[in-house]
C-alpha atoms as a PDB file:
ATOM      1  CA  LEU A   1     -13.086   4.490   4.893  1.00  0.00           C
ATOM      2  CA  GLU A   2     -10.134   6.179   6.592  1.00  0.00           C
ATOM      3  CA  LEU A   3      -7.723   5.225   3.793  1.00  0.00           C
ATOM      4  CA  PHE A   4     -10.111   6.593   1.177  1.00  0.00           C
ATOM      5  CA  GLU A   5     -10.550   9.826   3.123  1.00  0.00           C
ATOM      6  CA  ASP A   6      -6.799  10.233   3.612  1.00  0.00           C
ATOM      7  CA  VAL A   7      -6.090   9.726  -0.092  1.00  0.00           C
ATOM      8  CA  GLN A   8      -8.783  12.232  -1.023  1.00  0.00           C
ATOM      9  CA  ASN A   9      -7.752  14.793   1.605  1.00  0.00           C
ATOM     10  CA  GLN A  10      -4.074  14.617   0.633  1.00  0.00           C
ATOM     11  CA  HIS A  11      -4.917  15.025  -3.064  1.00  0.00           C
ATOM     12  CA  ILE A  12      -2.827  12.060  -4.170  1.00  0.00           C
ATOM     13  CA  PHE A  13      -4.532  12.245  -7.568  1.00  0.00           C
ATOM     14  CA  GLU A  14      -5.579  15.208  -9.691  1.00  0.00           C
ATOM     15  CA  ASP A  15      -9.249  14.329  -9.409  1.00  0.00           C
ATOM     16  CA  SER A  16     -11.394  12.704  -6.763  1.00  0.00           C
ATOM     17  CA  LYS A  17     -12.547   9.844  -8.990  1.00  0.00           C
ATOM     18  CA  THR A  18      -9.199   8.180  -9.704  1.00  0.00           C
ATOM     19  CA  PHE A  19      -8.762   6.465  -6.348  1.00  0.00           C
ATOM     20  CA  ALA A  20     -12.369   5.276  -6.444  1.00  0.00           C
ATOM     21  CA  ASP A  21     -11.482   3.572  -9.743  1.00  0.00           C
ATOM     22  CA  CYS A  22      -8.398   1.825  -8.331  1.00  0.00           C
ATOM     23  CA  ALA A  23      -8.625  -1.917  -7.774  1.00  0.00           C
ATOM     24  CA  PRO A  24      -6.958  -3.474  -4.727  1.00  0.00           C
ATOM     25  CA  LYS A  25      -4.085  -5.867  -5.432  1.00  0.00           C
ATOM     26  CA  TYR A  26      -4.787  -7.755  -2.207  1.00  0.00           C
ATOM     27  CA  ASP A  27      -7.637  -8.310   0.207  1.00  0.00           C
ATOM     28  CA  PRO A  28      -8.933  -4.822   1.153  1.00  0.00           C
ATOM     29  CA  VAL A  29      -8.997  -5.734   4.849  1.00  0.00           C
ATOM     30  CA  ASP A  30      -5.315  -6.704   4.702  1.00  0.00           C
ATOM     31  CA  ILE A  31      -4.496  -3.450   2.912  1.00  0.00           C
ATOM     32  CA  LEU A  32      -6.273  -1.433   5.588  1.00  0.00           C
ATOM     33  CA  ILE A  33      -4.484  -3.290   8.397  1.00  0.00           C
ATOM     34  CA  LEU A  34      -1.142  -2.674   6.679  1.00  0.00           C
ATOM     35  CA  TYR A  35      -2.030   0.987   6.154  1.00  0.00           C
ATOM     36  CA  ARG A  36      -2.855   1.484   9.819  1.00  0.00           C
ATOM     37  CA  LYS A  37       0.374  -0.219  10.839  1.00  0.00           C
ATOM     38  CA  LEU A  38       2.712   1.573   8.420  1.00  0.00           C
ATOM     39  CA  ALA A  39       1.163   5.027   8.570  1.00  0.00           C
ATOM     40  CA  ARG A  40       1.640   5.191  12.313  1.00  0.00           C
ATOM     41  CA  ARG A  41       4.971   3.423  12.720  1.00  0.00           C
ATOM     42  CA  SER A  42       7.066   4.055   9.632  1.00  0.00           C
ATOM     43  CA  GLN A  43       8.869   7.380   9.399  1.00  0.00           C
ATOM     44  CA  ASP A  44       9.503   6.994   5.664  1.00  0.00           C
ATOM     45  CA  PHE A  45       5.851   6.176   4.896  1.00  0.00           C
ATOM     46  CA  THR A  46       4.349   8.003   1.921  1.00  0.00           C
ATOM     47  CA  LEU A  47       0.699   7.587   1.112  1.00  0.00           C
ATOM     48  CA  ARG A  48       1.288   7.961  -2.621  1.00  0.00           C
ATOM     49  CA  GLN A  49       3.764   5.063  -2.646  1.00  0.00           C
ATOM     50  CA  PHE A  50       1.487   2.962  -0.466  1.00  0.00           C
ATOM     51  CA  VAL A  51      -1.366   3.407  -2.940  1.00  0.00           C
ATOM     52  CA  GLN A  52       0.885   2.538  -5.884  1.00  0.00           C
ATOM     53  CA  ASP A  53       2.143  -0.575  -4.098  1.00  0.00           C
ATOM     54  CA  ASN A  54      -1.271  -1.856  -3.048  1.00  0.00           C
ATOM     55  CA  PHE A  55      -3.672  -0.791  -5.798  1.00  0.00           C
ATOM     56  CA  HIS A  56      -3.930  -1.195  -9.547  1.00  0.00           C
ATOM     57  CA  LEU A  57      -4.243   2.327 -10.905  1.00  0.00           C
ATOM     58  CA  PRO A  58      -6.761   2.875 -13.702  1.00  0.00           C
ATOM     59  CA  GLU A  59      -5.391   3.201 -17.200  1.00  0.00           C
ATOM     60  CA  GLU A  60      -5.303   6.602 -18.818  1.00  0.00           C
ATOM     61  CA  PRO A  61      -8.493   7.211 -20.791  1.00  0.00           C
ATOM     62  CA  HIS A  62      -8.193   6.993 -24.542  1.00  0.00           C
ATOM     63  CA  ASN A  63      -8.930  10.054 -26.606  1.00  0.00           C
ATOM     64  CA  TYR A  64     -11.482   9.041 -29.217  1.00  0.00           C
ATOM     65  CA  ALA A  65     -12.034  12.542 -30.536  1.00  0.00           C
ATOM     66  CA  HIS A  66     -12.272  12.834 -34.271  1.00  0.00           C
ATOM     67  CA  ALA A  67     -12.973  15.649 -36.649  1.00  0.00           C
ATOM     68  CA  GLU A  68     -16.264  15.779 -38.499  1.00  0.00           C
ATOM     69  CA  THR A  69     -15.702  16.394 -42.186  1.00  0.00           C
ATOM     70  CA  GLU A  70     -19.243  17.499 -42.903  1.00  0.00           C
ATOM     71  CA  LYS A  71     -21.569  19.822 -41.035  1.00  0.00           C
ATOM     72  CA  ARG A  72     -24.614  18.033 -39.665  1.00  0.00           C
ATOM     73  CA  THR A  73     -27.315  18.937 -37.242  1.00  0.00           C
ATOM     74  CA  LEU A  74     -27.566  16.938 -34.027  1.00  0.00           C
ATOM     75  CA  SER A  75     -30.573  15.062 -35.367  1.00  0.00           C
ATOM     76  CA  GLN A  76     -28.672  14.120 -38.516  1.00  0.00           C
ATOM     77  CA  HIS A  77     -25.698  12.973 -36.481  1.00  0.00           C
ATOM     78  CA  ILE A  78     -27.843  10.742 -34.298  1.00  0.00           C
END
């Protein structure tokens, strides 16, 4: 919980959903133990780098927008 709160409070990502969508690369308990150890003891610790090193970031969403060539009502479209 503290890691999640720290990432959200430091605005590591542009939105608040991105970190929730990240998948851990290792056992989450081990990541939390490492976070507690490094965040307190390492002077060159950066939370952003820690997240990148320990989590798989979600892929960028694909843009599936397309232009309609004909005008249709919503009912017709459905």
